[in-house]
């Protein structure tokens, strides 16, 4: 694809950084060396290392936002998305600081997003940092229970489809369109870190927008390739995802009742962990009633939620 053709659509690559020195040059260089030219927006979450200085010195062409505090992944991405929208962006690639594009990744994603308007999110196949294997966690997103027919099409040497539907794909490398932002918006500020991408996928589905992977587009996710220990915040995250999912139509009061029942059941069975998790979550619900109501109204009724 020629450079003139690549300028038919204004595409912005948004990178949120926090102490990113280990990856930042490789990440940004992969965007600069892409065959499909894009404008860089980098939003730094108050890094304490040399990330900001490196960006200023080596990548003066990038639009750089320096937050005074760590706003978390979602809010920082929203800042970048809003800037890109205001500058006339049509397409938006969210790229983790620890992820790198291949030269043709962006081009291939763009071609499929143009051809398949029903998708709210498109992702490439995620390899590990060295490209030696498919990223460990990404493998679960494309297994047969989450992604119909991709495995069998690969193993049986069938012609691969341009896009395969998935239940979920993490937000390390997401291509979004202006239509996606208009209907789904930015990330929900209720989620500081973790689960914000699950929530976004839920909201895409509520708006009848599909989530897909492009099987001939590849990128690298340079993170540790081993199963993590369970996260103590999982209970609250799972409950928040149920509460915020517009398809569930759950009010805060109904969620309080359901959580109270969980607490009573855990107490009767003397499941101390479940009981304490439920009590902590009840306290959170009571303190955030107004915030939740406001957010749920924004999701359902406003264009460009969390970006306007």
Protein backbone atom coordinates (compact mmCIF):
# COMPACT_ATOMS: atom_id res chain seq x y z
CA UNK A 1 0.00 0.00 0.00
CA UNK A 2 1.46 3.36 -0.98
CA UNK A 3 1.96 6.19 1.51
CA UNK A 4 -0.61 8.33 -0.32
CA UNK A 5 -3.16 5.57 0.04
CA UNK A 6 -2.32 5.25 3.73
CA UNK A 7 -3.32 8.88 4.26
CA UNK A 8 -6.88 8.30 3.04
CA UNK A 9 -7.79 7.58 6.67
CA UNK A 10 -6.42 9.44 9.64
CA UNK A 11 -5.20 6.81 12.07
CA UNK A 12 -3.82 7.51 15.50
CA UNK A 13 -1.80 5.09 17.60
CA UNK A 14 -2.31 5.69 21.32
CA UNK A 15 0.25 4.38 23.80
CA UNK A 16 -0.18 4.73 27.55
CA UNK A 17 3.15 4.64 29.37
CA UNK A 18 4.21 4.09 32.95
CA UNK A 19 7.90 3.47 33.66
CA UNK A 20 8.24 2.08 30.15
CA UNK A 21 11.98 2.33 29.55
CA UNK A 22 12.33 -1.42 29.07
CA UNK A 23 10.08 -1.34 25.98
CA UNK A 24 9.37 2.20 24.82
CA UNK A 25 11.89 2.57 22.00
CA UNK A 26 11.03 -0.78 20.45
CA UNK A 27 7.32 -0.05 20.82
CA UNK A 28 7.43 3.42 19.26
CA UNK A 29 9.89 2.39 16.53
CA UNK A 30 7.51 -0.38 15.47
CA UNK A 31 4.84 2.27 14.84
CA UNK A 32 7.21 4.61 13.03
CA UNK A 33 8.43 1.75 10.79
CA UNK A 34 4.91 0.58 9.98
CA UNK A 35 3.96 0.46 6.31
CA UNK A 36 0.71 2.27 7.21
CA UNK A 37 1.65 5.68 8.57
CA UNK A 38 -0.04 6.88 11.72
CA UNK A 39 0.12 9.77 14.19
CA UNK A 40 1.45 8.91 17.64
CA UNK A 41 -0.28 10.01 20.84
CA UNK A 42 1.56 9.02 24.00
CA UNK A 43 -0.08 9.52 27.39
CA UNK A 44 2.30 9.12 30.31
CA UNK A 45 0.95 8.19 33.74
CA UNK A 46 3.53 10.10 35.79
CA UNK A 47 6.50 7.80 35.14
CA UNK A 48 9.39 8.03 37.60
CA UNK A 49 12.02 6.69 35.18
CA UNK A 50 13.36 8.27 31.97
CA UNK A 51 10.32 7.44 29.82
CA UNK A 52 9.13 11.03 29.29
CA UNK A 53 12.63 12.37 28.68
CA UNK A 54 13.29 9.62 26.12
CA UNK A 55 10.07 10.36 24.26
CA UNK A 56 10.80 14.10 24.16
CA UNK A 57 14.36 13.60 22.93
CA UNK A 58 13.87 10.75 20.46
CA UNK A 59 10.27 11.17 19.27
CA UNK A 60 9.46 14.89 19.06
CA UNK A 61 6.85 14.11 16.39
CA UNK A 62 4.67 12.34 18.96
CA UNK A 63 1.87 14.17 20.75
CA UNK A 64 2.85 13.74 24.39
CA UNK A 65 0.56 14.17 27.38
CA UNK A 66 2.19 14.22 30.82
CA UNK A 67 -0.29 13.29 33.56
CA UNK A 68 0.45 14.58 37.05
CA UNK A 69 -0.64 11.26 38.55
CA UNK A 70 -1.20 7.68 37.51
CA UNK A 71 -4.75 7.74 36.11
CA UNK A 72 -4.79 4.06 35.23
CA UNK A 73 -5.01 2.40 31.84
CA UNK A 74 -8.57 3.33 30.90
CA UNK A 75 -8.61 7.02 31.81
CA UNK A 76 -5.23 7.60 30.19
CA UNK A 77 -6.37 5.93 26.98
CA UNK A 78 -9.49 8.10 27.03
CA UNK A 79 -7.30 11.21 27.05
CA UNK A 80 -5.47 9.95 23.97
CA UNK A 81 -8.68 8.94 22.20
CA UNK A 82 -10.25 12.34 22.83
CA UNK A 83 -7.21 14.12 21.39
CA UNK A 84 -7.26 11.86 18.32
CA UNK A 85 -10.98 12.46 17.80
CA UNK A 86 -10.59 16.22 18.08
CA UNK A 87 -7.84 16.10 15.47
CA UNK A 88 -10.10 14.28 13.00
CA UNK A 89 -9.06 10.66 13.56
CA UNK A 90 -11.03 7.94 11.78
CA UNK A 91 -9.25 4.92 13.23
CA UNK A 92 -7.48 4.38 16.52
CA UNK A 93 -4.97 1.71 17.51
CA UNK A 94 -4.51 1.16 21.23
CA UNK A 95 -1.03 -0.23 21.76
CA UNK A 96 0.45 -1.42 25.06
CA UNK A 97 3.86 -0.05 25.99
CA UNK A 98 5.12 -3.65 26.04
CA UNK A 99 3.76 -4.51 22.58
CA UNK A 100 5.31 -4.11 19.14
CA UNK A 101 3.84 -4.12 15.65
CA UNK A 102 5.19 -5.96 12.64
CA UNK A 103 5.65 -3.73 9.61
CA UNK A 104 2.37 -4.82 8.01
CA UNK A 105 0.23 -5.26 11.18
CA UNK A 106 -1.51 -1.92 10.97
CA UNK A 107 -2.12 -2.19 7.24
CA UNK A 108 -3.73 -5.62 7.56
CA UNK A 109 -5.94 -4.57 10.46
CA UNK A 110 -7.05 -1.45 8.59
CA UNK A 111 -7.97 -3.40 5.46
CA UNK A 112 -10.20 -5.75 7.45
CA UNK A 113 -11.81 -3.00 9.50
CA UNK A 114 -12.70 -1.23 6.26
CA UNK A 115 -14.11 -4.41 4.77
CA UNK A 116 -16.02 -5.61 7.85
CA UNK A 117 -18.02 -2.72 9.28
CA UNK A 118 -19.80 -4.87 11.87
CA UNK A 119 -16.71 -5.14 14.09
CA UNK A 120 -16.12 -2.79 16.98
CA UNK A 121 -12.68 -4.22 17.81
CA UNK A 122 -10.09 -5.98 15.68
CA UNK A 123 -6.90 -7.52 17.01
CA UNK A 124 -3.91 -9.22 15.41
CA UNK A 125 -2.60 -12.56 16.66
CA UNK A 126 -0.42 -11.88 19.70
CA UNK A 127 3.00 -13.54 19.73
CA UNK A 128 5.35 -13.50 22.70
CA UNK A 129 8.08 -10.86 22.83
CA UNK A 130 10.48 -12.88 20.68
CA UNK A 131 7.88 -14.20 18.25
CA UNK A 132 8.65 -17.81 19.22
CA UNK A 133 5.08 -18.78 20.16
CA UNK A 134 1.58 -17.40 20.47
CA UNK A 135 1.25 -15.40 23.68
CA UNK A 136 0.21 -17.72 26.51
CA UNK A 137 -2.95 -15.87 27.49
CA UNK A 138 -3.89 -15.03 23.91
CA UNK A 139 -4.04 -18.77 23.22
CA UNK A 140 -7.12 -18.99 25.43
CA UNK A 141 -8.88 -16.27 23.43
CA UNK A 142 -8.64 -18.26 20.21
CA UNK A 143 -9.29 -21.77 21.52
CA UNK A 144 -12.39 -23.55 20.13
CA UNK A 145 -14.62 -22.57 23.04
CA UNK A 146 -13.94 -18.86 22.46
CA UNK A 147 -13.20 -18.69 18.73
CA UNK A 148 -15.12 -20.98 16.41
CA UNK A 149 -13.19 -22.87 13.69
CA UNK A 150 -9.84 -21.06 13.76
CA UNK A 151 -7.94 -24.03 15.19
CA UNK A 152 -9.57 -26.54 12.85
CA UNK A 153 -9.07 -24.31 9.80
CA UNK A 154 -5.36 -23.99 10.64
CA UNK A 155 -4.81 -27.70 11.33
CA UNK A 156 -6.78 -28.86 8.28
CA UNK A 157 -4.98 -26.38 6.02
CA UNK A 158 -8.23 -24.73 5.01
CA UNK A 159 -8.32 -21.23 3.60
CA UNK A 160 -8.45 -18.93 6.59
CA UNK A 161 -11.27 -16.43 6.92
CA UNK A 162 -10.25 -12.75 6.92
CA UNK A 163 -11.64 -12.33 10.46
CA UNK A 164 -12.65 -14.76 13.21
CA UNK A 165 -15.13 -13.81 15.92
CA UNK A 166 -13.89 -14.09 19.51
CA UNK A 167 -15.68 -13.77 22.82
CA UNK A 168 -12.89 -11.58 24.18
CA UNK A 169 -9.41 -10.30 23.35
CA UNK A 170 -7.32 -8.18 25.70
CA UNK A 171 -6.67 -4.54 24.89
CA UNK A 172 -2.91 -4.81 24.28
CA UNK A 173 -3.41 -4.19 20.54
CA UNK A 174 -6.89 -3.03 19.57
CA UNK A 175 -8.00 -1.30 16.39
CA UNK A 176 -11.16 0.78 16.87
CA UNK A 177 -13.10 2.85 14.36
CA UNK A 178 -14.78 6.22 14.81
CA UNK A 179 -18.10 4.35 14.69
CA UNK A 180 -16.96 2.25 17.66
CA UNK A 181 -16.10 5.35 19.66
CA UNK A 182 -19.37 7.04 18.78
CA UNK A 183 -21.45 4.06 19.90
CA UNK A 184 -19.31 2.50 22.64
CA UNK A 185 -17.09 5.41 23.65
CA UNK A 186 -13.97 5.22 25.77
CA UNK A 187 -13.09 3.06 28.74
CA UNK A 188 -15.38 3.07 31.76
CA UNK A 189 -13.71 5.21 34.50
CA UNK A 190 -15.17 2.89 37.15
CA UNK A 191 -12.33 0.47 36.33
CA UNK A 192 -8.91 1.80 37.32
CA UNK A 193 -6.85 -1.16 36.16
CA UNK A 194 -7.88 -4.69 35.13
CA UNK A 195 -11.30 -5.63 33.72
CA UNK A 196 -11.70 -2.36 31.79
CA UNK A 197 -11.19 -4.24 28.53
CA UNK A 198 -13.72 -6.92 29.55
CA UNK A 199 -16.20 -4.14 30.25
CA UNK A 200 -15.50 -2.55 26.87
CA UNK A 201 -16.14 -5.84 25.07
CA UNK A 202 -19.44 -6.20 26.94
CA UNK A 203 -20.46 -2.73 25.78
CA UNK A 204 -19.50 -3.52 22.17
CA UNK A 205 -21.77 -6.54 22.25
CA UNK A 206 -24.58 -4.45 23.75
CA UNK A 207 -24.28 -2.18 20.70
CA UNK A 208 -24.26 -5.25 18.37
CA UNK A 209 -20.63 -4.70 17.42
CA UNK A 210 -18.49 -7.81 17.05
CA UNK A 211 -14.98 -8.50 18.33
CA UNK A 212 -12.57 -10.26 15.99
CA UNK A 213 -9.01 -11.38 15.33
CA UNK A 214 -7.30 -11.09 11.96
CA UNK A 215 -5.38 -14.37 11.47
CA UNK A 216 -2.76 -13.07 9.05
CA UNK A 217 -1.89 -10.01 11.16
CA UNK A 218 0.70 -10.51 13.91
CA UNK A 219 2.18 -8.42 16.70
CA UNK A 220 4.33 -9.04 19.76
CA UNK A 221 3.33 -8.81 23.41
CA UNK A 222 6.53 -8.77 25.44
CA UNK A 223 5.28 -9.95 28.82
CA UNK A 224 6.03 -12.83 31.15
CA UNK A 225 4.81 -16.10 29.67
CA UNK A 226 3.63 -17.96 32.73
CA UNK A 227 0.36 -18.46 34.58
CA UNK A 228 -0.12 -15.83 37.26
CA UNK A 229 -1.31 -16.40 40.80
CA UNK A 230 -4.95 -15.58 41.46
CA UNK A 231 -5.68 -11.88 41.86
CA UNK A 232 -7.34 -10.90 45.17
CA UNK A 233 -9.34 -8.26 43.30
CA UNK A 234 -11.03 -10.83 41.07
CA UNK A 235 -14.22 -11.00 43.15
CA UNK A 236 -14.85 -7.25 42.96
CA UNK A 237 -13.87 -7.14 39.29
CA UNK A 238 -16.31 -9.91 38.39
CA UNK A 239 -19.11 -8.27 40.34
CA UNK A 240 -18.36 -4.88 38.78
CA UNK A 241 -18.46 -6.42 35.31
CA UNK A 242 -21.92 -7.84 36.01
CA UNK A 243 -23.10 -4.53 37.41
CA UNK A 244 -21.76 -2.41 34.56
CA UNK A 245 -22.77 -4.73 31.73
CA UNK A 246 -25.66 -2.87 30.04
CA UNK A 247 -27.06 -6.17 28.78
CA UNK A 248 -27.72 -7.25 32.38
CA UNK A 249 -29.80 -4.19 33.26
CA UNK A 250 -28.75 -4.46 36.92
CA UNK A 251 -29.44 -1.55 39.26
CA UNK A 252 -27.18 -0.88 42.23
CA UNK A 253 -30.02 -1.77 44.60
CA UNK A 254 -30.54 -5.12 42.91
CA UNK A 255 -26.80 -5.80 43.05
CA UNK A 256 -26.83 -4.95 46.76
CA UNK A 257 -29.60 -7.49 47.33
CA UNK A 258 -27.78 -10.18 45.36
CA UNK A 259 -24.50 -9.52 47.19
CA UNK A 260 -26.26 -9.54 50.56
CA UNK A 261 -27.67 -12.99 49.74
CA UNK A 262 -24.14 -14.15 48.83
CA UNK A 263 -22.89 -12.91 52.19
CA UNK A 264 -25.66 -14.70 54.12
CA UNK A 265 -25.05 -17.94 52.21
CA UNK A 266 -21.31 -17.70 52.86
CA UNK A 267 -21.95 -17.07 56.55
CA UNK A 268 -24.27 -20.09 56.83
CA UNK A 269 -21.67 -22.29 55.10
CA UNK A 270 -18.89 -20.52 57.02
CA UNK A 271 -16.97 -19.64 53.89
CA UNK A 272 -14.89 -16.88 55.42
CA UNK A 273 -13.30 -15.73 52.15
CA UNK A 274 -16.62 -15.37 50.30
CA UNK A 275 -18.22 -13.69 53.30
CA UNK A 276 -15.47 -11.06 53.65
CA UNK A 277 -15.39 -10.47 49.87
CA UNK A 278 -19.14 -9.91 49.88
CA UNK A 279 -19.02 -7.51 52.83
CA UNK A 280 -16.22 -5.48 51.24
CA UNK A 281 -18.15 -5.33 47.99
CA UNK A 282 -21.33 -4.21 49.75
CA UNK A 283 -19.40 -1.30 51.27
CA UNK A 284 -18.14 -0.37 47.82
CA UNK A 285 -21.66 -0.47 46.37
CA UNK A 286 -23.12 1.74 49.08
CA UNK A 287 -20.37 4.34 48.62
CA UNK A 288 -20.59 4.46 44.84
CA UNK A 289 -24.35 4.53 44.19
CA UNK A 290 -24.43 7.96 42.54
CA UNK A 291 -21.30 7.31 40.48
CA UNK A 292 -22.65 4.00 39.15
CA UNK A 293 -26.01 5.52 38.21
CA UNK A 294 -24.30 8.36 36.33
CA UNK A 295 -21.97 5.98 34.48
CA UNK A 296 -24.74 3.58 33.50
CA UNK A 297 -26.78 6.48 32.11
CA UNK A 298 -23.75 7.66 30.12
CA UNK A 299 -23.23 4.21 28.62
CA UNK A 300 -26.82 3.79 27.50
CA UNK A 301 -27.83 7.25 26.38
CA UNK A 302 -24.88 9.38 25.29
CA UNK A 303 -22.85 9.38 22.05
CA UNK A 304 -19.09 9.01 22.59
CA UNK A 305 -19.47 7.88 26.23
CA UNK A 306 -16.60 9.06 28.48
CA UNK A 307 -15.09 11.02 25.55
CA UNK A 308 -17.50 13.94 25.20
